[in-house]
C-alpha atoms as a PDB file:
ATOM      1  CA  MET A   1       0.305  -0.081   0.005  1.00  0.00           C
ATOM      2  CA  ASN A   2       1.665   3.703  -1.121  1.00  0.00           C
ATOM      3  CA  ILE A   3       1.159   5.801   2.101  1.00  0.00           C
ATOM      4  CA  LEU A   4       1.728   9.112  -0.169  1.00  0.00           C
ATOM      5  CA  PRO A   5      -1.881   9.647  -0.660  1.00  0.00           C
ATOM      6  CA  ILE A   6      -2.781   8.860   3.032  1.00  0.00           C
ATOM      7  CA  ALA A   7      -0.531  11.344   4.559  1.00  0.00           C
ATOM      8  CA  ALA A   8      -1.497  13.701   1.844  1.00  0.00           C
ATOM      9  CA  SER A   9      -5.065  13.727   2.787  1.00  0.00           C
ATOM     10  CA  SER A  10      -3.771  14.272   6.254  1.00  0.00           C
ATOM     11  CA  LEU A  11      -2.096  16.668   5.571  1.00  0.00           C
ATOM     12  CA  ARG A  12      -4.656  19.103   3.635  1.00  0.00           C
ATOM     13  CA  ALA A  13      -7.018  17.688   6.555  1.00  0.00           C
ATOM     14  CA  ALA A  14      -4.936  19.360   9.393  1.00  0.00           C
ATOM     15  CA  SER A  15      -4.310  22.122   7.114  1.00  0.00           C
ATOM     16  CA  LYS A  16      -8.211  22.698   6.797  1.00  0.00           C
ATOM     17  CA  ALA A  17      -8.620  21.928  10.508  1.00  0.00           C
ATOM     18  CA  THR A  18      -6.166  25.018  11.340  1.00  0.00           C
ATOM     19  CA  ALA A  19      -8.009  27.066   9.325  1.00  0.00           C
ATOM     20  CA  ILE A  20     -11.704  26.246  10.772  1.00  0.00           C
ATOM     21  CA  ARG A  21     -10.013  26.779  14.219  1.00  0.00           C
ATOM     22  CA  ALA A  22      -7.901  30.294  13.151  1.00  0.00           C
ATOM     23  CA  ASN A  23     -11.246  31.357  11.553  1.00  0.00           C
ATOM     24  CA  ASN A  24     -13.119  30.955  15.037  1.00  0.00           C
ATOM     25  CA  ILE A  25     -10.388  32.358  17.441  1.00  0.00           C
ATOM     26  CA  VAL A  26     -10.288  35.506  14.911  1.00  0.00           C
ATOM     27  CA  ASN A  27     -13.996  36.060  14.698  1.00  0.00           C
ATOM     28  CA  ALA A  28     -14.259  35.234  18.862  1.00  0.00           C
ATOM     29  CA  SER A  29     -15.651  38.812  19.457  1.00  0.00           C
ATOM     30  CA  THR A  30     -17.203  38.991  16.333  1.00  0.00           C
ATOM     31  CA  PRO A  31     -21.214  39.748  16.811  1.00  0.00           C
ATOM     32  CA  ASP A  32     -23.636  37.270  15.315  1.00  0.00           C
ATOM     33  CA  PHE A  33     -20.558  35.020  14.673  1.00  0.00           C
ATOM     34  CA  LYS A  34     -21.378  31.229  14.220  1.00  0.00           C
ATOM     35  CA  PRO A  35     -18.049  29.293  15.055  1.00  0.00           C
ATOM     36  CA  ALA A  36     -17.219  25.746  13.399  1.00  0.00           C
ATOM     37  CA  ALA A  37     -15.719  22.523  14.497  1.00  0.00           C
ATOM     38  CA  PRO A  38     -14.044  20.155  11.728  1.00  0.00           C
ATOM     39  CA  VAL A  39     -15.392  16.483  11.497  1.00  0.00           C
ATOM     40  CA  PHE A  40     -12.535  14.353  10.121  1.00  0.00           C
ATOM     41  CA  GLN A  41     -14.414  12.138   8.198  1.00  0.00           C
ATOM     42  CA  GLY A  42     -12.080   8.628   6.443  1.00  0.00           C
ATOM     43  CA  THR A  43     -12.535   8.669   2.743  1.00  0.00           C
ATOM     44  CA  LYS A  44     -12.893   5.591   0.461  1.00  0.00           C
ATOM     45  CA  ASN A  45      -9.031   5.240  -0.111  1.00  0.00           C
ATOM     46  CA  ALA A  46      -8.494   5.042   3.272  1.00  0.00           C
ATOM     47  CA  GLY A  47      -7.376   8.645   3.536  1.00  0.00           C
ATOM     48  CA  VAL A  48      -8.865  11.089   5.769  1.00  0.00           C
ATOM     49  CA  SER A  49     -11.159  14.538   5.315  1.00  0.00           C
ATOM     50  CA  VAL A  50     -12.233  17.401   7.285  1.00  0.00           C
ATOM     51  CA  MET A  51     -15.161  19.462   6.493  1.00  0.00           C
ATOM     52  CA  ALA A  52     -16.322  22.729   9.041  1.00  0.00           C
ATOM     53  CA  GLN A  53     -19.745  22.608  10.798  1.00  0.00           C
ATOM     54  CA  THR A  54     -21.437  25.429  12.713  1.00  0.00           C
ATOM     55  CA  VAL A  55     -21.610  24.706  16.152  1.00  0.00           C
ATOM     56  CA  ASN A  56     -24.410  26.714  18.621  1.00  0.00           C
ATOM     57  CA  GLN A  57     -21.885  27.791  20.816  1.00  0.00           C
ATOM     58  CA  PRO A  58     -19.709  30.642  21.539  1.00  0.00           C
ATOM     59  CA  VAL A  59     -15.694  29.892  21.199  1.00  0.00           C
ATOM     60  CA  ASN A  60     -14.149  28.470  23.676  1.00  0.00           C
ATOM     61  CA  LEU A  61     -10.212  29.599  23.243  1.00  0.00           C
ATOM     62  CA  VAL A  62      -8.903  27.152  25.474  1.00  0.00           C
ATOM     63  CA  ASN A  63     -10.507  24.202  23.207  1.00  0.00           C
ATOM     64  CA  GLU A  64      -9.546  26.092  20.215  1.00  0.00           C
ATOM     65  CA  ALA A  65      -5.812  26.147  21.409  1.00  0.00           C
ATOM     66  CA  LEU A  66      -5.922  22.838  22.192  1.00  0.00           C
ATOM     67  CA  GLY A  67      -7.344  22.164  18.698  1.00  0.00           C
ATOM     68  CA  LEU A  68      -4.399  23.972  16.553  1.00  0.00           C
ATOM     69  CA  ASN A  69      -2.113  21.574  18.839  1.00  0.00           C
ATOM     70  CA  ALA A  70      -3.399  18.570  17.674  1.00  0.00           C
ATOM     71  CA  ALA A  71      -4.024  19.815  14.401  1.00  0.00           C
ATOM     72  CA  ALA A  72      -0.569  20.334  14.410  1.00  0.00           C
ATOM     73  CA  ASN A  73       0.771  17.393  16.052  1.00  0.00           C
ATOM     74  CA  GLN A  74      -1.354  15.465  13.030  1.00  0.00           C
ATOM     75  CA  TYR A  75       0.407  17.519  10.631  1.00  0.00           C
ATOM     76  CA  GLU A  76       3.594  16.283  12.177  1.00  0.00           C
ATOM     77  CA  ALA A  77       3.243  13.182  11.813  1.00  0.00           C
ATOM     78  CA  SER A  78       1.877  13.110   8.756  1.00  0.00           C
ATOM     79  CA  ALA A  79       5.021  14.836   7.477  1.00  0.00           C
ATOM     80  CA  ALA A  80       7.085  12.238   8.707  1.00  0.00           C
ATOM     81  CA  LEU A  81       5.036   9.861   6.542  1.00  0.00           C
ATOM     82  CA  VAL A  82       5.613  11.464   3.805  1.00  0.00           C
ATOM     83  CA  LYS A  83       9.768  11.319   4.540  1.00  0.00           C
ATOM     84  CA  ILE A  84       8.709   7.652   5.402  1.00  0.00           C
ATOM     85  CA  ASP A  85       7.749   7.310   2.381  1.00  0.00           C
ATOM     86  CA  GLU A  86      11.099   8.991   0.399  1.00  0.00           C
ATOM     87  CA  ARG A  87      13.366   6.555   2.738  1.00  0.00           C
ATOM     88  CA  GLN A  88      11.273   3.230   0.909  1.00  0.00           C
ATOM     89  CA  SER A  89      11.254   4.607  -2.449  1.00  0.00           C
ATOM     90  CA  LYS A  90      14.410   5.535  -2.186  1.00  0.00           C
ATOM     91  CA  ALA A  91      15.599   1.854  -0.892  1.00  0.00           C
ATOM     92  CA  LEU A  92      14.126   0.352  -3.856  1.00  0.00           C
ATOM     93  CA  PHE A  93      15.344   2.062  -6.360  1.00  0.00           C
ATOM     94  CA  ASP A  94      18.747   1.288  -4.938  1.00  0.00           C
ATOM     95  CA  ALA A  95      17.626  -2.208  -4.550  1.00  0.00           C
ATOM     96  CA  ILE A  96      16.450  -2.735  -8.110  1.00  0.00           C
ATOM     97  CA  ALA A  97      19.529  -0.564  -9.543  1.00  0.00           C
END
């Protein structure tokens, strides 16, 4: 199984989750602002996607900060998978050559 598409989808999901959380933080004091929560879903090809779901409660800055930290950890783990895939591909090409 090629892990690169899975890692790439996870990178995109982490990026979108970060954007959703950042938007909540920036607009926390905006009147009538409706915050959103990132909702993660598995995809048919074993990847992950994120959609924004509106929530009916005020922005909780602590939860948003924790969510940003979780997204950063997801991004870091996904980037590590990309590096692993690169090393595996190089080892395979070296073995063939």
